[in-house]
């Protein structure tokens, strides 16, 4: 019996990494930019859904070690399994804001954050 896998993310999601081989990759905020489909992933049995992601903050990087090449890559985008990610924002169309037109047309006083 085939079970439909519920994914944590979708293309366009902001997510945080919650699992990784390198501790420096945990807690990274990433944007999901593409689906790479079901693929094998080291240390995970069977096929898992893998996303192509990019780090959301400038100057932040992901670390990937390729044992066959004995190479550590430090990059701003790369593949991550869905099970290693948790969405930061709600699923599409779950969040809907209703604004009062009169209130939304008022001019806000300039300020600094």
PDB file of N, CA and C in Angstrom:
ATOM      1  N   UNK A   1       0.835  -1.180   0.000  1.00  0.00           N
ATOM      2  CA  UNK A   1       0.000   0.000   0.000  1.00  0.00           C
ATOM      3  C   UNK A   1       0.886   1.252   0.000  1.00  0.00           C
ATOM      4  N   UNK A   2       0.712   2.153  -0.958  1.00  0.00           N
ATOM      5  CA  UNK A   2       1.491   3.384  -1.026  1.00  0.00           C
ATOM      6  C   UNK A   2       0.843   4.468  -0.191  1.00  0.00           C
ATOM      7  N   UNK A   3       1.623   5.095   0.676  1.00  0.00           N
ATOM      8  CA  UNK A   3       1.134   6.182   1.505  1.00  0.00           C
ATOM      9  C   UNK A   3       1.561   7.498   0.886  1.00  0.00           C
ATOM     10  N   UNK A   4       0.650   8.477   0.846  1.00  0.00           N
ATOM     11  CA  UNK A   4       1.001   9.794   0.342  1.00  0.00           C
ATOM     12  C   UNK A   4       1.775  10.512   1.435  1.00  0.00           C
ATOM     13  N   UNK A   5       2.943  10.988   1.077  1.00  0.00           N
ATOM     14  CA  UNK A   5       3.807  11.665   2.034  1.00  0.00           C
ATOM     15  C   UNK A   5       3.388  13.126   2.158  1.00  0.00           C
ATOM     16  N   UNK A   6       3.116  13.592   3.390  1.00  0.00           N
ATOM     17  CA  UNK A   6       2.798  14.991   3.633  1.00  0.00           C
ATOM     18  C   UNK A   6       4.119  15.731   3.768  1.00  0.00           C
ATOM     19  N   UNK A   7       4.282  16.728   2.925  1.00  0.00           N
ATOM     20  CA  UNK A   7       5.534  17.475   2.917  1.00  0.00           C
ATOM     21  C   UNK A   7       5.485  18.642   3.893  1.00  0.00           C
ATOM     22  N   UNK A   8       6.637  18.977   4.452  1.00  0.00           N
ATOM     23  CA  UNK A   8       6.748  20.120   5.354  1.00  0.00           C
ATOM     24  C   UNK A   8       6.773  21.445   4.612  1.00  0.00           C
ATOM     25  N   UNK A   9       7.224  21.435   3.351  1.00  0.00           N
ATOM     26  CA  UNK A   9       7.444  22.666   2.601  1.00  0.00           C
ATOM     27  C   UNK A   9       6.843  22.569   1.208  1.00  0.00           C
ATOM     28  N   UNK A  10       6.902  23.693   0.500  1.00  0.00           N
ATOM     29  CA  UNK A  10       6.526  23.774  -0.902  1.00  0.00           C
ATOM     30  C   UNK A  10       7.412  24.847  -1.523  1.00  0.00           C
ATOM     31  N   UNK A  11       7.451  24.901  -2.846  1.00  0.00           N
ATOM     32  CA  UNK A  11       8.263  25.911  -3.525  1.00  0.00           C
ATOM     33  C   UNK A  11       7.801  27.295  -3.066  1.00  0.00           C
ATOM     34  N   UNK A  12       8.754  28.133  -2.679  1.00  0.00           N
ATOM     35  CA  UNK A  12       8.461  29.472  -2.194  1.00  0.00           C
ATOM     36  C   UNK A  12       8.437  29.586  -0.678  1.00  0.00           C
ATOM     37  N   UNK A  13       8.412  28.459   0.026  1.00  0.00           N
ATOM     38  CA  UNK A  13       8.369  28.475   1.489  1.00  0.00           C
ATOM     39  C   UNK A  13       9.664  29.020   2.087  1.00  0.00           C
ATOM     40  N   UNK A  14       9.533  29.678   3.216  1.00  0.00           N
ATOM     41  CA  UNK A  14      10.680  29.950   4.077  1.00  0.00           C
ATOM     42  C   UNK A  14      10.692  28.834   5.101  1.00  0.00           C
ATOM     43  N   UNK A  15      11.864  28.299   5.380  1.00  0.00           N
ATOM     44  CA  UNK A  15      11.956  27.178   6.308  1.00  0.00           C
ATOM     45  C   UNK A  15      13.227  27.307   7.137  1.00  0.00           C
ATOM     46  N   UNK A  16      13.263  26.542   8.218  1.00  0.00           N
ATOM     47  CA  UNK A  16      14.460  26.476   9.056  1.00  0.00           C
ATOM     48  C   UNK A  16      14.957  25.038   9.039  1.00  0.00           C
ATOM     49  N   UNK A  17      16.258  24.866   8.973  1.00  0.00           N
ATOM     50  CA  UNK A  17      16.829  23.526   8.985  1.00  0.00           C
ATOM     51  C   UNK A  17      16.842  23.006  10.415  1.00  0.00           C
ATOM     52  N   UNK A  18      16.323  21.787  10.599  1.00  0.00           N
ATOM     53  CA  UNK A  18      16.216  21.219  11.948  1.00  0.00           C
ATOM     54  C   UNK A  18      17.060  19.963  12.113  1.00  0.00           C
ATOM     55  N   UNK A  19      17.679  19.502  11.032  1.00  0.00           N
ATOM     56  CA  UNK A  19      18.534  18.326  11.101  1.00  0.00           C
ATOM     57  C   UNK A  19      19.603  18.467  10.030  1.00  0.00           C
ATOM     58  N   UNK A  20      20.791  18.002  10.317  1.00  0.00           N
ATOM     59  CA  UNK A  20      21.894  18.051   9.352  1.00  0.00           C
ATOM     60  C   UNK A  20      23.067  17.265   9.919  1.00  0.00           C
ATOM     61  N   UNK A  21      23.930  16.807   9.032  1.00  0.00           N
ATOM     62  CA  UNK A  21      25.139  16.106   9.473  1.00  0.00           C
ATOM     63  C   UNK A  21      26.092  17.086  10.171  1.00  0.00           C
ATOM     64  N   UNK A  22      26.208  18.298   9.621  1.00  0.00           N
ATOM     65  CA  UNK A  22      27.072  19.329  10.198  1.00  0.00           C
ATOM     66  C   UNK A  22      26.225  20.270  11.048  1.00  0.00           C
ATOM     67  N   UNK A  23      26.574  20.416  12.316  1.00  0.00           N
ATOM     68  CA  UNK A  23      25.774  21.243  13.233  1.00  0.00           C
ATOM     69  C   UNK A  23      25.657  22.688  12.755  1.00  0.00           C
ATOM     70  N   UNK A  24      26.637  23.161  12.001  1.00  0.00           N
ATOM     71  CA  UNK A  24      26.590  24.527  11.469  1.00  0.00           C
ATOM     72  C   UNK A  24      25.473  24.752  10.471  1.00  0.00           C
ATOM     73  N   UNK A  25      24.925  23.664   9.928  1.00  0.00           N
ATOM     74  CA  UNK A  25      23.803  23.784   8.985  1.00  0.00           C
ATOM     75  C   UNK A  25      22.454  23.844   9.704  1.00  0.00           C
ATOM     76  N   UNK A  26      22.416  23.496  10.975  1.00  0.00           N
ATOM     77  CA  UNK A  26      21.153  23.495  11.721  1.00  0.00           C
ATOM     78  C   UNK A  26      20.803  24.928  12.125  1.00  0.00           C
ATOM     79  N   UNK A  27      19.529  25.267  11.937  1.00  0.00           N
ATOM     80  CA  UNK A  27      19.055  26.602  12.287  1.00  0.00           C
ATOM     81  C   UNK A  27      19.177  27.615  11.170  1.00  0.00           C
ATOM     82  N   UNK A  28      19.580  27.179   9.996  1.00  0.00           N
ATOM     83  CA  UNK A  28      19.683  28.088   8.853  1.00  0.00           C
ATOM     84  C   UNK A  28      18.283  28.374   8.306  1.00  0.00           C
ATOM     85  N   UNK A  29      18.004  29.623   8.017  1.00  0.00           N
ATOM     86  CA  UNK A  29      16.744  29.995   7.373  1.00  0.00           C
ATOM     87  C   UNK A  29      16.984  29.947   5.868  1.00  0.00           C
ATOM     88  N   UNK A  30      16.141  29.176   5.192  1.00  0.00           N
ATOM     89  CA  UNK A  30      16.306  28.964   3.751  1.00  0.00           C
ATOM     90  C   UNK A  30      14.984  29.222   3.025  1.00  0.00           C
ATOM     91  N   UNK A  31      15.085  29.499   1.743  1.00  0.00           N
ATOM     92  CA  UNK A  31      13.917  29.621   0.877  1.00  0.00           C
ATOM     93  C   UNK A  31      13.931  28.433  -0.072  1.00  0.00           C
ATOM     94  N   UNK A  32      12.799  27.742  -0.170  1.00  0.00           N
ATOM     95  CA  UNK A  32      12.683  26.598  -1.078  1.00  0.00           C
ATOM     96  C   UNK A  32      12.480  27.149  -2.483  1.00  0.00           C
ATOM     97  N   UNK A  33      13.408  26.801  -3.400  1.00  0.00           N
ATOM     98  CA  UNK A  33      13.326  27.357  -4.749  1.00  0.00           C
ATOM     99  C   UNK A  33      12.925  26.347  -5.815  1.00  0.00           C
ATOM    100  N   UNK A  34      13.041  25.043  -5.514  1.00  0.00           N
ATOM    101  CA  UNK A  34      12.658  24.047  -6.516  1.00  0.00           C
ATOM    102  C   UNK A  34      12.538  22.668  -5.859  1.00  0.00           C
ATOM    103  N   UNK A  35      11.773  21.801  -6.500  1.00  0.00           N
ATOM    104  CA  UNK A  35      11.644  20.418  -6.047  1.00  0.00           C
ATOM    105  C   UNK A  35      12.580  19.549  -6.875  1.00  0.00           C
ATOM    106  N   UNK A  36      13.337  18.709  -6.197  1.00  0.00           N
ATOM    107  CA  UNK A  36      14.213  17.759  -6.881  1.00  0.00           C
ATOM    108  C   UNK A  36      13.606  16.361  -6.874  1.00  0.00           C
ATOM    109  N   UNK A  37      12.395  16.242  -6.307  1.00  0.00           N
ATOM    110  CA  UNK A  37      11.672  14.975  -6.307  1.00  0.00           C
ATOM    111  C   UNK A  37      12.192  13.999  -5.273  1.00  0.00           C
ATOM    112  N   UNK A  38      11.768  12.734  -5.431  1.00  0.00           N
ATOM    113  CA  UNK A  38      12.187  11.669  -4.517  1.00  0.00           C
ATOM    114  C   UNK A  38      13.585  11.203  -4.875  1.00  0.00           C
ATOM    115  N   UNK A  39      14.452  11.165  -3.876  1.00  0.00           N
ATOM    116  CA  UNK A  39      15.845  10.783  -4.099  1.00  0.00           C
ATOM    117  C   UNK A  39      16.375  10.051  -2.869  1.00  0.00           C
ATOM    118  N   UNK A  40      17.411   9.239  -3.058  1.00  0.00           N
ATOM    119  CA  UNK A  40      18.089   8.669  -1.882  1.00  0.00           C
ATOM    120  C   UNK A  40      18.883   9.772  -1.184  1.00  0.00           C
ATOM    121  N   UNK A  41      19.027   9.659   0.124  1.00  0.00           N
ATOM    122  CA  UNK A  41      19.818  10.629   0.882  1.00  0.00           C
ATOM    123  C   UNK A  41      20.653   9.853   1.884  1.00  0.00           C
ATOM    124  N   UNK A  42      21.939  10.195   2.015  1.00  0.00           N
ATOM    125  CA  UNK A  42      22.794   9.480   2.960  1.00  0.00           C
ATOM    126  C   UNK A  42      22.176   9.439   4.358  1.00  0.00           C
ATOM    127  N   UNK A  43      22.275   8.287   4.998  1.00  0.00           N
ATOM    128  CA  UNK A  43      21.818   8.058   6.367  1.00  0.00           C
ATOM    129  C   UNK A  43      20.293   8.064   6.517  1.00  0.00           C
ATOM    130  N   UNK A  44      19.533   8.051   5.398  1.00  0.00           N
ATOM    131  CA  UNK A  44      18.072   7.937   5.448  1.00  0.00           C
ATOM    132  C   UNK A  44      17.690   6.733   4.591  1.00  0.00           C
ATOM    133  N   UNK A  45      16.890   5.823   5.151  1.00  0.00           N
ATOM    134  CA  UNK A  45      16.447   4.644   4.407  1.00  0.00           C
ATOM    135  C   UNK A  45      15.389   5.030   3.378  1.00  0.00           C
ATOM    136  N   UNK A  46      15.487   4.460   2.207  1.00  0.00           N
ATOM    137  CA  UNK A  46      14.493   4.686   1.158  1.00  0.00           C
ATOM    138  C   UNK A  46      14.659   6.033   0.478  1.00  0.00           C
ATOM    139  N   UNK A  47      13.638   6.385  -0.293  1.00  0.00           N
ATOM    140  CA  UNK A  47      13.654   7.654  -1.015  1.00  0.00           C
ATOM    141  C   UNK A  47      12.954   8.727  -0.190  1.00  0.00           C
ATOM    142  N   UNK A  48      13.471   9.949  -0.237  1.00  0.00           N
ATOM    143  CA  UNK A  48      12.872  11.091   0.456  1.00  0.00           C
ATOM    144  C   UNK A  48      12.727  12.245  -0.525  1.00  0.00           C
ATOM    145  N   UNK A  49      11.754  13.117  -0.243  1.00  0.00           N
ATOM    146  CA  UNK A  49      11.583  14.296  -1.102  1.00  0.00           C
ATOM    147  C   UNK A  49      12.704  15.282  -0.785  1.00  0.00           C
ATOM    148  N   UNK A  50      13.366  15.765  -1.833  1.00  0.00           N
ATOM    149  CA  UNK A  50      14.491  16.684  -1.673  1.00  0.00           C
ATOM    150  C   UNK A  50      14.155  18.009  -2.365  1.00  0.00           C
ATOM    151  N   UNK A  51      14.450  19.093  -1.677  1.00  0.00           N
ATOM    152  CA  UNK A  51      14.235  20.437  -2.209  1.00  0.00           C
ATOM    153  C   UNK A  51      15.568  21.084  -2.554  1.00  0.00           C
ATOM    154  N   UNK A  52      15.564  21.958  -3.533  1.00  0.00           N
ATOM    155  CA  UNK A  52      16.684  22.863  -3.784  1.00  0.00           C
ATOM    156  C   UNK A  52      16.364  24.124  -2.992  1.00  0.00           C
ATOM    157  N   UNK A  53      17.269  24.538  -2.124  1.00  0.00           N
ATOM    158  CA  UNK A  53      17.038  25.706  -1.277  1.00  0.00           C
ATOM    159  C   UNK A  53      18.178  26.701  -1.443  1.00  0.00           C
ATOM    160  N   UNK A  54      17.904  27.935  -1.016  1.00  0.00           N
ATOM    161  CA  UNK A  54      18.960  28.942  -0.934  1.00  0.00           C
ATOM    162  C   UNK A  54      18.856  29.602   0.434  1.00  0.00           C
ATOM    163  N   UNK A  55      20.002  29.948   1.020  1.00  0.00           N
ATOM    164  CA  UNK A  55      19.971  30.593   2.331  1.00  0.00           C
ATOM    165  C   UNK A  55      19.300  31.952   2.182  1.00  0.00           C
ATOM    166  N   UNK A  56      18.534  32.326   3.206  1.00  0.00           N
ATOM    167  CA  UNK A  56      17.742  33.552   3.118  1.00  0.00           C
ATOM    168  C   UNK A  56      18.516  34.789   3.555  1.00  0.00           C
ATOM    169  N   UNK A  57      19.632  34.608   4.244  1.00  0.00           N
ATOM    170  CA  UNK A  57      20.379  35.782   4.695  1.00  0.00           C
ATOM    171  C   UNK A  57      21.753  35.843   4.022  1.00  0.00           C
ATOM    172  N   UNK A  58      22.103  37.042   3.643  1.00  0.00           N
ATOM    173  CA  UNK A  58      23.389  37.269   2.982  1.00  0.00           C
ATOM    174  C   UNK A  58      24.527  36.943   3.949  1.00  0.00           C
ATOM    175  N   UNK A  59      25.530  36.270   3.455  1.00  0.00           N
ATOM    176  CA  UNK A  59      26.674  35.918   4.291  1.00  0.00           C
ATOM    177  C   UNK A  59      26.507  34.608   5.045  1.00  0.00           C
ATOM    178  N   UNK A  60      25.377  33.938   4.857  1.00  0.00           N
ATOM    179  CA  UNK A  60      25.148  32.642   5.479  1.00  0.00           C
ATOM    180  C   UNK A  60      25.358  31.557   4.427  1.00  0.00           C
ATOM    181  N   UNK A  61      25.851  30.394   4.842  1.00  0.00           N
ATOM    182  CA  UNK A  61      26.180  29.342   3.885  1.00  0.00           C
ATOM    183  C   UNK A  61      25.778  27.970   4.401  1.00  0.00           C
ATOM    184  N   UNK A  62      25.659  27.036   3.470  1.00  0.00           N
ATOM    185  CA  UNK A  62      25.433  25.630   3.772  1.00  0.00           C
ATOM    186  C   UNK A  62      26.722  24.875   3.489  1.00  0.00           C
ATOM    187  N   UNK A  63      26.972  23.820   4.267  1.00  0.00           N
ATOM    188  CA  UNK A  63      28.184  23.019   4.103  1.00  0.00           C
ATOM    189  C   UNK A  63      27.806  21.612   3.659  1.00  0.00           C
ATOM    190  N   UNK A  64      28.408  21.149   2.570  1.00  0.00           N
ATOM    191  CA  UNK A  64      28.170  19.808   2.038  1.00  0.00           C
ATOM    192  C   UNK A  64      29.502  19.092   1.898  1.00  0.00           C
ATOM    193  N   UNK A  65      29.591  17.884   2.451  1.00  0.00           N
ATOM    194  CA  UNK A  65      30.804  17.074   2.295  1.00  0.00           C
ATOM    195  C   UNK A  65      30.528  15.959   1.306  1.00  0.00           C
ATOM    196  N   UNK A  66      31.399  15.831   0.314  1.00  0.00           N
ATOM    197  CA  UNK A  66      31.295  14.792  -0.712  1.00  0.00           C
ATOM    198  C   UNK A  66      32.426  13.794  -0.496  1.00  0.00           C
ATOM    199  N   UNK A  67      32.137  12.643   0.172  1.00  0.00           N
ATOM    200  CA  UNK A  67      33.190  11.691   0.516  1.00  0.00           C
ATOM    201  C   UNK A  67      33.928  11.130  -0.695  1.00  0.00           C
ATOM    202  N   UNK A  68      33.226  10.918  -1.802  1.00  0.00           N
ATOM    203  CA  UNK A  68      33.885  10.337  -2.976  1.00  0.00           C
ATOM    204  C   UNK A  68      34.955  11.273  -3.546  1.00  0.00           C
ATOM    205  N   UNK A  69      34.792  12.580  -3.322  1.00  0.00           N
ATOM    206  CA  UNK A  69      35.764  13.567  -3.815  1.00  0.00           C
ATOM    207  C   UNK A  69      36.643  14.113  -2.693  1.00  0.00           C
ATOM    208  N   UNK A  70      36.340  13.703  -1.441  1.00  0.00           N
ATOM    209  CA  UNK A  70      37.045  14.242  -0.269  1.00  0.00           C
ATOM    210  C   UNK A  70      37.017  15.764  -0.303  1.00  0.00           C
ATOM    211  N   UNK A  71      35.817  16.308  -0.517  1.00  0.00           N
ATOM    212  CA  UNK A  71      35.684  17.745  -0.716  1.00  0.00           C
ATOM    213  C   UNK A  71      34.546  18.307   0.139  1.00  0.00           C
ATOM    214  N   UNK A  72      34.801  19.442   0.775  1.00  0.00           N
ATOM    215  CA  UNK A  72      33.790  20.174   1.521  1.00  0.00           C
ATOM    216  C   UNK A  72      33.424  21.407   0.715  1.00  0.00           C
ATOM    217  N   UNK A  73      32.149  21.522   0.337  1.00  0.00           N
ATOM    218  CA  UNK A  73      31.675  22.693  -0.401  1.00  0.00           C
ATOM    219  C   UNK A  73      30.937  23.618   0.556  1.00  0.00           C
ATOM    220  N   UNK A  74      31.204  24.895   0.455  1.00  0.00           N
ATOM    221  CA  UNK A  74      30.502  25.928   1.215  1.00  0.00           C
ATOM    222  C   UNK A  74      29.758  26.765   0.189  1.00  0.00           C
ATOM    223  N   UNK A  75      28.415  26.668   0.210  1.00  0.00           N
ATOM    224  CA  UNK A  75      27.605  27.262  -0.853  1.00  0.00           C
ATOM    225  C   UNK A  75      26.392  27.988  -0.266  1.00  0.00           C
ATOM    226  N   UNK A  76      25.781  28.834  -1.092  1.00  0.00           N
ATOM    227  CA  UNK A  76      24.585  29.552  -0.644  1.00  0.00           C
ATOM    228  C   UNK A  76      23.297  28.840  -1.056  1.00  0.00           C
ATOM    229  N   UNK A  77      23.404  27.802  -1.875  1.00  0.00           N
ATOM    230  CA  UNK A  77      22.212  27.022  -2.228  1.00  0.00           C
ATOM    231  C   UNK A  77      22.609  25.568  -2.440  1.00  0.00           C
ATOM    232  N   UNK A  78      21.622  24.681  -2.222  1.00  0.00           N
ATOM    233  CA  UNK A  78      21.893  23.263  -2.385  1.00  0.00           C
ATOM    234  C   UNK A  78      20.675  22.434  -2.035  1.00  0.00           C
ATOM    235  N   UNK A  79      20.797  21.110  -2.128  1.00  0.00           N
ATOM    236  CA  UNK A  79      19.677  20.219  -1.832  1.00  0.00           C
ATOM    237  C   UNK A  79      19.543  19.937  -0.334  1.00  0.00           C
ATOM    238  N   UNK A  80      18.295  19.820   0.125  1.00  0.00           N
ATOM    239  CA  UNK A  80      18.005  19.433   1.513  1.00  0.00           C
ATOM    240  C   UNK A  80      16.737  18.589   1.504  1.00  0.00           C
ATOM    241  N   UNK A  81      16.736  17.460   2.232  1.00  0.00           N
ATOM    242  CA  UNK A  81      15.512  16.656   2.324  1.00  0.00           C
ATOM    243  C   UNK A  81      14.404  17.402   3.062  1.00  0.00           C
ATOM    244  N   UNK A  82      13.185  17.189   2.644  1.00  0.00           N
ATOM    245  CA  UNK A  82      12.033  17.823   3.279  1.00  0.00           C
ATOM    246  C   UNK A  82      11.980  17.526   4.781  1.00  0.00           C
ATOM    247  N   UNK A  83      12.339  16.308   5.170  1.00  0.00           N
ATOM    248  CA  UNK A  83      12.261  15.931   6.589  1.00  0.00           C
ATOM    249  C   UNK A  83      13.275  16.686   7.451  1.00  0.00           C
ATOM    250  N   UNK A  84      14.244  17.379   6.852  1.00  0.00           N
ATOM    251  CA  UNK A  84      15.217  18.185   7.589  1.00  0.00           C
ATOM    252  C   UNK A  84      14.759  19.631   7.733  1.00  0.00           C
ATOM    253  N   UNK A  85      13.594  19.965   7.199  1.00  0.00           N
ATOM    254  CA  UNK A  85      13.102  21.342   7.184  1.00  0.00           C
ATOM    255  C   UNK A  85      11.784  21.477   7.934  1.00  0.00           C
ATOM    256  N   UNK A  86      11.551  22.660   8.501  1.00  0.00           N
ATOM    257  CA  UNK A  86      10.259  23.019   9.075  1.00  0.00           C
ATOM    258  C   UNK A  86       9.885  24.387   8.515  1.00  0.00           C
ATOM    259  N   UNK A  87       8.690  24.468   7.996  1.00  0.00           N
ATOM    260  CA  UNK A  87       8.197  25.708   7.396  1.00  0.00           C
ATOM    261  C   UNK A  87       8.070  26.794   8.464  1.00  0.00           C
ATOM    262  N   UNK A  88       8.430  28.004   8.088  1.00  0.00           N
ATOM    263  CA  UNK A  88       8.309  29.147   8.988  1.00  0.00           C
ATOM    264  C   UNK A  88       6.966  29.849   8.778  1.00  0.00           C
ATOM    265  N   UNK A  89       6.515  29.912   7.554  1.00  0.00           N
ATOM    266  CA  UNK A  89       5.239  30.570   7.253  1.00  0.00           C
ATOM    267  C   UNK A  89       4.174  29.527   6.958  1.00  0.00           C
ATOM    268  N   UNK A  90       2.906  29.863   7.094  1.00  0.00           N
ATOM    269  CA  UNK A  90       1.835  28.885   6.866  1.00  0.00           C
ATOM    270  C   UNK A  90       1.763  28.414   5.416  1.00  0.00           C
ATOM    271  N   UNK A  91       1.057  27.309   5.227  1.00  0.00           N
ATOM    272  CA  UNK A  91       0.805  26.772   3.900  1.00  0.00           C
ATOM    273  C   UNK A  91       0.070  27.819   3.073  1.00  0.00           C
ATOM    274  N   UNK A  92       0.272  27.869   1.767  1.00  0.00           N
ATOM    275  CA  UNK A  92      -0.381  28.836   0.877  1.00  0.00           C
ATOM    276  C   UNK A  92      -1.863  28.933   1.166  1.00  0.00           C
ATOM    277  N   UNK A  93      -2.346  30.138   1.172  1.00  0.00           N
ATOM    278  CA  UNK A  93      -3.758  30.467   1.315  1.00  0.00           C
ATOM    279  C   UNK A  93      -4.318  30.170   2.707  1.00  0.00           C
ATOM    280  N   UNK A  94      -3.486  29.802   3.678  1.00  0.00           N
ATOM    281  CA  UNK A  94      -3.991  29.593   5.029  1.00  0.00           C
ATOM    282  C   UNK A  94      -4.087  30.899   5.793  1.00  0.00           C
ATOM    283  N   UNK A  95      -3.238  31.849   5.460  1.00  0.00           N
ATOM    284  CA  UNK A  95      -3.213  33.115   6.169  1.00  0.00           C
ATOM    285  C   UNK A  95      -3.888  34.169   5.312  1.00  0.00           C
ATOM    286  N   UNK A  96      -4.968  34.715   5.798  1.00  0.00           N
ATOM    287  CA  UNK A  96      -5.699  35.725   5.050  1.00  0.00           C
ATOM    288  C   UNK A  96      -5.982  36.880   5.996  1.00  0.00           C
ATOM    289  N   UNK A  97      -5.541  38.057   5.638  1.00  0.00           N
ATOM    290  CA  UNK A  97      -5.776  39.231   6.460  1.00  0.00           C
ATOM    291  C   UNK A  97      -6.893  40.058   5.857  1.00  0.00           C
ATOM    292  N   UNK A  98      -7.854  40.434   6.677  1.00  0.00           N
ATOM    293  CA  UNK A  98      -8.910  41.325   6.229  1.00  0.00           C
ATOM    294  C   UNK A  98      -8.632  42.678   6.847  1.00  0.00           C
ATOM    295  N   UNK A  99      -8.421  43.684   5.995  1.00  0.00           N
ATOM    296  CA  UNK A  99      -8.095  45.012   6.483  1.00  0.00           C
ATOM    297  C   UNK A  99      -9.277  45.939   6.297  1.00  0.00           C
ATOM    298  N   UNK A 100      -9.496  46.786   7.265  1.00  0.00           N
ATOM    299  CA  UNK A 100     -10.504  47.818   7.150  1.00  0.00           C
ATOM    300  C   UNK A 100      -9.961  48.866   6.183  1.00  0.00           C
ATOM    301  N   UNK A 101     -10.708  49.148   5.109  1.00  0.00           N
ATOM    302  CA  UNK A 101     -10.231  50.052   4.058  1.00  0.00           C
ATOM    303  C   UNK A 101      -9.919  51.431   4.621  1.00  0.00           C
ATOM    304  N   UNK A 102     -10.777  51.949   5.496  1.00  0.00           N
ATOM    305  CA  UNK A 102     -10.560  53.278   6.066  1.00  0.00           C
ATOM    306  C   UNK A 102      -9.261  53.314   6.852  1.00  0.00           C
ATOM    307  N   UNK A 103      -8.990  52.269   7.640  1.00  0.00           N
ATOM    308  CA  UNK A 103      -7.784  52.210   8.454  1.00  0.00           C
ATOM    309  C   UNK A 103      -6.540  52.061   7.582  1.00  0.00           C
ATOM    310  N   UNK A 104      -6.606  51.248   6.540  1.00  0.00           N
ATOM    311  CA  UNK A 104      -5.431  50.970   5.730  1.00  0.00           C
ATOM    312  C   UNK A 104      -5.014  52.144   4.868  1.00  0.00           C
ATOM    313  N   UNK A 105      -5.885  53.138   4.700  1.00  0.00           N
ATOM    314  CA  UNK A 105      -5.561  54.291   3.861  1.00  0.00           C
ATOM    315  C   UNK A 105      -4.904  55.420   4.644  1.00  0.00           C
ATOM    316  N   UNK A 106      -4.808  55.303   5.956  1.00  0.00           N
ATOM    317  CA  UNK A 106      -4.179  56.339   6.760  1.00  0.00           C
ATOM    318  C   UNK A 106      -2.673  56.348   6.517  1.00  0.00           C
ATOM    319  N   UNK A 107      -2.091  57.527   6.556  1.00  0.00           N
ATOM    320  CA  UNK A 107      -0.649  57.664   6.381  1.00  0.00           C
ATOM    321  C   UNK A 107       0.035  57.350   7.705  1.00  0.00           C
ATOM    322  N   UNK A 108       1.079  56.529   7.635  1.00  0.00           N
ATOM    323  CA  UNK A 108       1.833  56.187   8.829  1.00  0.00           C
ATOM    324  C   UNK A 108       2.951  57.190   9.033  1.00  0.00           C
ATOM    325  N   UNK A 109       3.212  57.480  10.265  1.00  0.00           N
ATOM    326  CA  UNK A 109       4.306  58.383  10.594  1.00  0.00           C
ATOM    327  C   UNK A 109       5.622  57.674  10.313  1.00  0.00           C
ATOM    328  N   UNK A 110       6.581  58.340   9.642  1.00  0.00           N
ATOM    329  CA  UNK A 110       7.873  57.716   9.372  1.00  0.00           C
ATOM    330  C   UNK A 110       8.558  57.328  10.677  1.00  0.00           C
ATOM    331  N   UNK A 111       9.211  56.174  10.672  1.00  0.00           N
ATOM    332  CA  UNK A 111       9.911  55.711  11.869  1.00  0.00           C
ATOM    333  C   UNK A 111      11.088  54.850  11.467  1.00  0.00           C
ATOM    334  N   UNK A 112      11.932  54.552  12.412  1.00  0.00           N
ATOM    335  CA  UNK A 112      13.054  53.647  12.202  1.00  0.00           C
ATOM    336  C   UNK A 112      12.799  52.379  12.980  1.00  0.00           C
ATOM    337  N   UNK A 113      13.221  51.282  12.425  1.00  0.00           N
ATOM    338  CA  UNK A 113      13.031  50.005  13.094  1.00  0.00           C
ATOM    339  C   UNK A 113      14.185  49.700  13.997  1.00  0.00           C
TER     340      UNK A 113
END
